[in-house]
Amino acid sequence: MELGYFMMPLHPPGSDFTKTLNDDLEQVVTLDALGYREAWIGEHFTAEWENIPAPDLFIAQALAMTENIILGTGVTCMPNHDPFMISHRIAQLDHMARGRFYWGVGSGGFPGDFTVFGFDPRTGEQRTMTRDAIDLVLQLWDDPKPGLYESKYWKFNVPEPVEEIGLRFHLKPYQKPHPPIGVAGVTEKSETLVIAGEKGWIPMSINLVPTRVIKTHWDAVEEGARKSGRVPNRSQWRVAREIYVADTTEQARRQALDGVMRRDYEQYVLRSLGRINMLGMMKANPEMPDAEVTPEYLLDEIWIVGSPDEVADKIRRLYNDVGGFGVLVAVGHEWQPKDSWVKSMTLLAEEVMPRLADLN
């Protein structure tokens, strides 16, 4: 089992944008030095808390500041983009990364972004657009036939080649046939993860759901794999979790409940999910009332917080409960206080993971 990182990111409204970009880049540089395998960067246009609208630009800068860590969009929200344009941006980024890149894709989930780009999430059309747009990007990379490409959501022309001046659709990714594609699942037996299994894409389980939901995610992957005759590999599966490690469990729990993890959930995550009636996704018992979904409940039921021994035991239990997975993805927060968070990330890499070396 390997170790990754997911950066939404999370910064309170009113934060200095220049500083938060620098702080987030510094996190990636630190993780690279600690040997983390990968880091995924989120995309939002209207979420002031999750304030990176262009993860590809962030990744381009981070590539020059790191040596080994693989960087991925987490995710490129396809309803925000024209397929012709995004096919070029992602292909160029893949060349700049020389293979140190994953393309995470999805339909998005932030109401403000849907409003900007004219999608009503109640209809589900954002998912239809996403599937069609991904298929079109892959087609353009494989065989960009000249002509008009038109749908409800886009309209563009691929010109006829002019050989003597090199006029043609010419840009294909560095990795062949394309960068590894990752998609995230949220709900039980996620339809998105069925597609991941069918296509052979990287399946990712979101950090907000309890083990009972994560268990169903691999069922969805296997269902999709059966449709296309594939044999799914659990080493591809990423499972995201909130993780905080300190010298003692008492210290770790206190710092988690008194620090940025509690702040981010109380002021943003729980409020956001409550507004759209989605607190149920976090419930270990579906019958529990919304009022009981608190940071204290999350600490006990979903977050992985404690001493190195405690955290290793909890990760091992999660691994066994869901049947095994390949990459544990720690979720990012502001590293405040910095020393404590750097220590947590270091303990996770250097003390916890060696205790789990037998998980394969």
Protein backbone atom coordinates (compact mmCIF):
# COMPACT_ATOMS: atom_id res chain seq x y z
CA MET A 1 0.00 0.00 0.00
CA GLU A 2 1.28 3.44 -0.94
CA LEU A 3 0.58 6.95 0.31
CA GLY A 4 -1.01 9.88 -1.49
CA TYR A 5 -2.55 13.28 -0.76
CA PHE A 6 -5.67 15.15 -1.86
CA MET A 7 -5.73 18.94 -1.71
CA MET A 8 -9.20 20.47 -2.14
CA PRO A 9 -7.68 22.90 -0.93
CA LEU A 10 -9.29 24.33 2.23
CA HIS A 11 -8.82 27.99 3.10
CA PRO A 12 -11.31 30.25 4.92
CA PRO A 13 -12.99 32.99 2.88
CA GLY A 14 -10.96 36.18 2.96
CA SER A 15 -7.60 34.39 2.92
CA ASP A 16 -4.76 35.96 0.94
CA PHE A 17 -4.89 34.04 -2.34
CA THR A 18 -1.22 34.55 -3.17
CA LYS A 19 -0.22 33.23 0.25
CA THR A 20 -2.51 30.20 0.09
CA LEU A 21 -1.07 29.22 -3.31
CA ASN A 22 2.43 29.45 -1.89
CA ASP A 23 1.44 27.50 1.21
CA ASP A 24 -0.18 24.75 -0.89
CA LEU A 25 2.89 24.52 -3.12
CA GLU A 26 5.07 24.22 -0.03
CA GLN A 27 2.92 21.31 1.13
CA VAL A 28 3.51 19.46 -2.15
CA VAL A 29 7.27 20.09 -1.96
CA THR A 30 7.33 18.72 1.60
CA LEU A 31 5.33 15.64 0.63
CA ASP A 32 7.66 14.98 -2.29
CA ALA A 33 10.65 15.04 0.07
CA LEU A 34 8.82 12.65 2.43
CA GLY A 35 8.26 10.14 -0.37
CA TYR A 36 4.50 10.51 -0.89
CA ARG A 37 3.60 8.82 -4.16
CA GLU A 38 1.03 11.28 -5.51
CA ALA A 39 -0.98 14.45 -4.85
CA TRP A 40 -4.33 15.38 -6.40
CA ILE A 41 -5.40 19.03 -6.74
CA GLY A 42 -9.05 20.14 -6.80
CA GLU A 43 -10.80 22.57 -9.16
CA HIS A 44 -13.52 25.08 -8.23
CA PHE A 45 -14.48 28.42 -9.68
CA THR A 46 -16.99 29.75 -7.15
CA ALA A 47 -15.91 28.03 -3.90
CA GLU A 48 -13.96 30.54 -1.85
CA TRP A 49 -12.96 27.80 0.60
CA GLU A 50 -11.65 25.58 -2.22
CA ASN A 51 -9.94 28.37 -4.04
CA ILE A 52 -7.93 26.84 -6.91
CA PRO A 53 -9.78 27.30 -10.25
CA ALA A 54 -6.89 26.03 -12.41
CA PRO A 55 -5.23 22.91 -10.99
CA ASP A 56 -3.33 22.43 -14.25
CA LEU A 57 -1.51 25.73 -13.69
CA PHE A 58 -0.79 24.80 -10.08
CA ILE A 59 0.54 21.41 -11.18
CA ALA A 60 2.74 23.00 -13.85
CA GLN A 61 4.48 25.09 -11.19
CA ALA A 62 4.68 22.21 -8.72
CA LEU A 63 6.35 19.98 -11.32
CA ALA A 64 9.31 22.32 -11.44
CA MET A 65 9.60 22.35 -7.65
CA THR A 66 9.44 18.57 -7.08
CA GLU A 67 11.29 15.48 -8.25
CA ASN A 68 9.25 12.32 -7.84
CA ILE A 69 5.69 12.93 -6.69
CA ILE A 70 2.99 12.27 -9.31
CA LEU A 71 0.51 15.14 -9.63
CA GLY A 72 -3.10 14.84 -10.70
CA THR A 73 -6.15 16.99 -11.28
CA GLY A 74 -8.64 16.12 -8.60
CA VAL A 75 -10.66 16.63 -10.71
CA THR A 76 -10.99 18.42 -14.02
CA CYS A 77 -14.72 19.19 -13.85
CA MET A 78 -15.74 18.58 -17.45
CA PRO A 79 -18.91 20.78 -17.40
CA ASN A 80 -16.54 23.74 -16.84
CA HIS A 81 -14.60 23.13 -20.06
CA ASP A 82 -14.78 22.92 -23.83
CA PRO A 83 -13.44 19.49 -24.89
CA PHE A 84 -11.27 20.91 -27.70
CA MET A 85 -9.55 23.33 -25.33
CA ILE A 86 -9.13 20.92 -22.41
CA SER A 87 -7.73 18.21 -24.69
CA HIS A 88 -4.86 20.57 -25.54
CA ARG A 89 -4.24 21.80 -21.99
CA ILE A 90 -4.12 18.29 -20.52
CA ALA A 91 -1.95 16.90 -23.32
CA GLN A 92 0.53 19.77 -22.91
CA LEU A 93 0.60 19.29 -19.14
CA ASP A 94 1.31 15.59 -19.61
CA HIS A 95 4.34 16.46 -21.75
CA MET A 96 5.54 18.97 -19.17
CA ALA A 97 5.21 16.28 -16.49
CA ARG A 98 6.90 13.62 -18.66
CA GLY A 99 4.53 11.04 -17.28
CA ARG A 100 4.39 12.38 -13.71
CA PHE A 101 0.71 13.17 -14.15
CA TYR A 102 -2.74 11.63 -13.62
CA TRP A 103 -5.86 13.06 -15.19
CA GLY A 104 -8.66 13.04 -12.65
CA VAL A 105 -12.02 13.78 -14.28
CA GLY A 106 -15.54 14.29 -13.01
CA SER A 107 -18.82 16.15 -13.40
CA GLY A 108 -18.25 18.45 -10.43
CA GLY A 109 -20.52 18.99 -7.49
CA PHE A 110 -20.40 22.64 -6.50
CA PRO A 111 -23.72 24.48 -7.01
CA GLY A 112 -22.08 27.81 -7.88
CA ASP A 113 -20.04 26.29 -10.68
CA PHE A 114 -23.13 24.62 -12.13
CA THR A 115 -24.87 28.00 -12.14
CA VAL A 116 -21.94 29.65 -13.93
CA PHE A 117 -21.94 27.11 -16.74
CA GLY A 118 -25.71 26.67 -17.02
CA PHE A 119 -26.27 23.21 -15.56
CA ASP A 120 -29.16 22.19 -13.35
CA PRO A 121 -27.74 19.36 -11.21
CA ARG A 122 -31.24 18.04 -10.51
CA THR A 123 -31.47 16.84 -14.11
CA GLY A 124 -28.21 14.89 -14.03
CA GLU A 125 -27.22 16.39 -17.40
CA GLN A 126 -23.80 17.30 -15.99
CA ARG A 127 -23.01 13.58 -15.84
CA THR A 128 -24.15 13.00 -19.41
CA MET A 129 -22.06 15.93 -20.62
CA THR A 130 -19.05 14.62 -18.69
CA ARG A 131 -19.20 11.14 -20.19
CA ASP A 132 -19.61 12.54 -23.69
CA ALA A 133 -16.83 15.10 -23.22
CA ILE A 134 -14.31 12.54 -21.93
CA ASP A 135 -15.12 10.22 -24.83
CA LEU A 136 -14.61 13.10 -27.25
CA VAL A 137 -11.25 14.11 -25.75
CA LEU A 138 -10.04 10.52 -26.03
CA GLN A 139 -11.27 10.42 -29.63
CA LEU A 140 -9.43 13.65 -30.47
CA TRP A 141 -6.22 12.27 -29.00
CA ASP A 142 -6.61 9.01 -30.90
CA ASP A 143 -8.01 10.02 -34.30
CA PRO A 144 -8.91 13.71 -34.70
CA LYS A 145 -10.99 13.50 -37.85
CA PRO A 146 -11.55 16.89 -39.54
CA GLY A 147 -15.04 18.30 -39.39
CA LEU A 148 -17.68 19.89 -37.18
CA TYR A 149 -18.10 18.64 -33.62
CA GLU A 150 -21.36 19.91 -32.20
CA SER A 151 -23.62 19.07 -29.29
CA LYS A 152 -25.84 20.90 -26.83
CA TYR A 153 -22.70 21.77 -24.87
CA TRP A 154 -20.01 22.60 -27.47
CA LYS A 155 -19.36 23.51 -31.07
CA PHE A 156 -15.98 23.54 -32.80
CA ASN A 157 -14.30 22.53 -36.04
CA VAL A 158 -11.21 20.39 -36.53
CA PRO A 159 -9.64 21.78 -39.72
CA GLU A 160 -8.51 19.78 -42.72
CA PRO A 161 -4.73 19.24 -42.56
CA VAL A 162 -2.51 21.46 -44.68
CA GLU A 163 0.71 19.46 -44.90
CA GLU A 164 3.02 22.13 -46.33
CA ILE A 165 2.52 24.44 -43.36
CA GLY A 166 1.83 21.82 -40.67
CA LEU A 167 -1.75 22.88 -40.03
CA ARG A 168 -3.59 20.13 -38.19
CA PHE A 169 -4.82 18.92 -34.80
CA HIS A 170 -1.42 17.66 -33.70
CA LEU A 171 -1.13 17.50 -29.90
CA LYS A 172 -1.35 14.11 -28.21
CA PRO A 173 -0.38 13.23 -24.64
CA TYR A 174 3.09 12.16 -23.58
CA GLN A 175 1.76 8.96 -21.98
CA LYS A 176 0.29 6.47 -24.43
CA PRO A 177 -2.49 6.25 -25.24
CA HIS A 178 -3.25 8.89 -22.60
CA PRO A 179 -2.51 9.74 -18.94
CA PRO A 180 -4.04 7.35 -16.41
CA ILE A 181 -7.59 8.56 -15.79
CA GLY A 182 -9.03 8.70 -12.28
CA VAL A 183 -12.65 9.13 -11.17
CA ALA A 184 -14.14 9.54 -7.70
CA GLY A 185 -17.09 7.70 -6.19
CA VAL A 186 -19.33 9.10 -3.47
CA THR A 187 -22.61 7.21 -3.20
CA GLU A 188 -23.22 3.54 -2.48
CA LYS A 189 -22.44 1.37 -5.53
CA SER A 190 -21.38 4.54 -7.33
CA GLU A 191 -22.30 4.67 -11.02
CA THR A 192 -19.07 6.57 -11.62
CA LEU A 193 -17.05 3.68 -10.23
CA VAL A 194 -18.99 1.25 -12.41
CA ILE A 195 -17.64 3.26 -15.35
CA ALA A 196 -14.14 3.14 -13.82
CA GLY A 197 -14.30 -0.63 -13.73
CA GLU A 198 -15.65 -0.82 -17.26
CA LYS A 199 -12.98 1.50 -18.69
CA GLY A 200 -10.05 0.38 -16.55
CA TRP A 201 -9.73 3.82 -14.94
CA ILE A 202 -8.41 4.58 -11.45
CA PRO A 203 -11.25 4.29 -8.89
CA MET A 204 -11.16 6.70 -5.96
CA SER A 205 -13.35 6.67 -2.83
CA ILE A 206 -14.16 10.02 -1.26
CA ASN A 207 -13.04 10.87 2.29
CA LEU A 208 -16.51 11.79 3.60
CA VAL A 209 -18.19 8.38 3.66
CA PRO A 210 -18.05 5.62 6.29
CA THR A 211 -16.72 2.13 5.74
CA ARG A 212 -20.17 0.72 4.95
CA VAL A 213 -20.27 2.89 1.81
CA ILE A 214 -16.64 2.31 0.80
CA LYS A 215 -17.30 -1.45 0.85
CA THR A 216 -19.83 -1.00 -1.96
CA HIS A 217 -17.41 0.97 -4.11
CA TRP A 218 -15.32 -2.03 -5.05
CA ASP A 219 -18.54 -3.92 -5.84
CA ALA A 220 -19.28 -1.14 -8.35
CA VAL A 221 -15.82 -1.42 -9.89
CA GLU A 222 -16.21 -5.18 -10.28
CA GLU A 223 -19.66 -4.73 -11.83
CA GLY A 224 -18.22 -2.40 -14.45
CA ALA A 225 -15.25 -4.67 -15.11
CA ARG A 226 -17.57 -7.58 -15.85
CA LYS A 227 -19.27 -5.54 -18.56
CA SER A 228 -16.05 -5.20 -20.54
CA GLY A 229 -14.39 -8.46 -19.59
CA ARG A 230 -11.71 -6.78 -17.49
CA VAL A 231 -10.08 -8.09 -14.34
CA PRO A 232 -9.95 -5.17 -11.87
CA ASN A 233 -6.82 -4.67 -9.78
CA ARG A 234 -7.26 -3.47 -6.20
CA SER A 235 -3.82 -1.84 -6.32
CA GLN A 236 -5.42 0.86 -8.50
CA TRP A 237 -8.03 1.72 -5.87
CA ARG A 238 -7.48 4.96 -3.93
CA VAL A 239 -9.26 5.47 -0.61
CA ALA A 240 -9.20 9.00 0.85
CA ARG A 241 -9.31 9.63 4.59
CA GLU A 242 -8.85 12.47 7.05
CA ILE A 243 -5.64 11.55 8.89
CA TYR A 244 -3.82 13.22 11.76
CA VAL A 245 -0.94 11.66 13.72
CA ALA A 246 0.76 12.84 16.91
CA ASP A 247 2.99 11.23 19.52
CA THR A 248 -0.02 10.11 21.57
CA THR A 249 -3.64 9.44 20.73
CA GLU A 250 -4.79 11.91 23.38
CA GLN A 251 -2.66 14.65 21.84
CA ALA A 252 -3.80 13.83 18.29
CA ARG A 253 -7.49 13.87 19.22
CA ARG A 254 -7.14 17.15 21.08
CA GLN A 255 -5.30 18.83 18.20
CA ALA A 256 -7.80 17.55 15.65
CA LEU A 257 -10.79 18.85 17.64
CA ASP A 258 -9.16 22.16 18.58
CA GLY A 259 -7.58 22.91 15.20
CA VAL A 260 -8.18 23.35 11.50
CA MET A 261 -9.88 19.98 10.97
CA ARG A 262 -12.75 20.97 13.24
CA ARG A 263 -12.81 24.49 11.80
CA ASP A 264 -13.01 23.26 8.22
CA TYR A 265 -15.82 20.81 8.97
CA GLU A 266 -17.90 23.05 11.23
CA GLN A 267 -17.58 26.17 9.10
CA TYR A 268 -17.61 24.64 5.64
CA VAL A 269 -18.07 20.92 5.03
CA LEU A 270 -21.00 20.24 7.37
CA ARG A 271 -22.73 23.52 6.46
CA SER A 272 -22.32 22.84 2.73
CA LEU A 273 -23.63 19.28 2.91
CA GLY A 274 -26.47 20.35 5.20
CA ARG A 275 -27.65 22.95 2.67
CA ILE A 276 -28.12 20.27 0.02
CA ASN A 277 -29.43 17.58 2.37
CA MET A 278 -26.40 15.34 1.95
CA LEU A 279 -25.27 14.79 5.54
CA GLY A 280 -26.61 11.26 5.17
CA MET A 281 -23.54 10.25 3.17
CA MET A 282 -21.46 10.56 6.35
CA LYS A 283 -23.64 8.41 8.59
CA ALA A 284 -22.38 5.04 9.77
CA ASN A 285 -26.00 4.37 10.76
CA PRO A 286 -28.37 5.78 8.11
CA GLU A 287 -31.05 6.27 10.79
CA MET A 288 -29.04 8.66 12.95
CA PRO A 289 -30.27 12.27 12.99
CA ASP A 290 -28.38 14.99 11.19
CA ALA A 291 -27.67 16.77 14.46
CA GLU A 292 -25.43 13.89 15.53
CA VAL A 293 -23.09 14.37 12.56
CA THR A 294 -20.54 16.42 14.50
CA PRO A 295 -16.74 16.66 14.52
CA GLU A 296 -16.74 14.39 17.58
CA TYR A 297 -18.75 11.76 15.70
CA LEU A 298 -16.48 12.08 12.65
CA LEU A 299 -13.40 11.73 14.83
CA ASP A 300 -14.67 8.41 16.19
CA GLU A 301 -16.27 6.96 13.05
CA ILE A 302 -14.59 8.33 9.91
CA TRP A 303 -11.41 10.28 10.61
CA ILE A 304 -8.19 8.38 11.34
CA VAL A 305 -6.58 10.18 14.26
CA GLY A 306 -4.15 8.98 16.91
CA SER A 307 -0.65 7.87 17.74
CA PRO A 308 1.39 6.01 15.08
CA ASP A 309 0.27 2.68 16.55
CA GLU A 310 -3.38 3.75 16.77
CA VAL A 311 -3.42 5.14 13.24
CA ALA A 312 -1.73 2.04 11.83
CA ASP A 313 -4.32 -0.15 13.55
CA LYS A 314 -7.20 1.93 12.15
CA ILE A 315 -5.79 1.87 8.62
CA ARG A 316 -5.26 -1.88 8.83
CA ARG A 317 -8.86 -2.32 10.02
CA LEU A 318 -10.14 -0.19 7.14
CA TYR A 319 -8.02 -2.13 4.66
CA ASN A 320 -9.32 -5.46 5.92
CA ASP A 321 -12.93 -4.28 6.17
CA VAL A 322 -13.07 -3.19 2.52
CA GLY A 323 -10.96 -6.05 1.17
CA GLY A 324 -7.79 -4.13 0.38
CA PHE A 325 -6.78 -1.12 -1.72
CA GLY A 326 -3.60 0.25 -3.28
CA VAL A 327 -3.18 3.88 -2.18
CA LEU A 328 -4.24 5.61 1.02
CA VAL A 329 -4.93 9.27 0.20
CA ALA A 330 -4.61 11.71 3.11
CA VAL A 331 -6.79 14.81 2.82
CA GLY A 332 -5.19 18.25 3.03
CA HIS A 333 -5.91 21.12 5.37
CA GLU A 334 -3.97 24.25 6.17
CA TRP A 335 -0.88 23.22 8.11
CA GLN A 336 -1.60 25.33 11.20
CA PRO A 337 0.32 25.07 13.39
CA LYS A 338 2.87 24.18 10.75
CA ASP A 339 5.24 22.19 12.96
CA SER A 340 2.45 19.90 14.18
CA TRP A 341 1.14 19.21 10.68
CA VAL A 342 4.58 18.59 9.19
CA LYS A 343 5.17 16.18 12.05
CA SER A 344 1.84 14.46 11.35
CA MET A 345 2.69 14.02 7.66
CA THR A 346 6.16 12.80 8.62
CA LEU A 347 4.89 10.31 11.20
CA LEU A 348 2.39 8.98 8.68
CA ALA A 349 5.12 8.37 6.10
CA GLU A 350 7.94 7.24 8.36
CA GLU A 351 6.26 5.59 11.35
CA VAL A 352 2.78 4.46 10.26
CA MET A 353 3.37 3.17 6.74
CA PRO A 354 6.29 0.90 7.68
CA ARG A 355 3.95 -0.80 10.15
CA LEU A 356 1.67 -1.60 7.18
CA ALA A 357 4.35 -2.82 4.80
CA ASP A 358 2.76 -6.29 4.70
CA LEU A 359 -0.45 -4.95 3.16
CA ASN A 360 -0.14 -5.72 -0.53
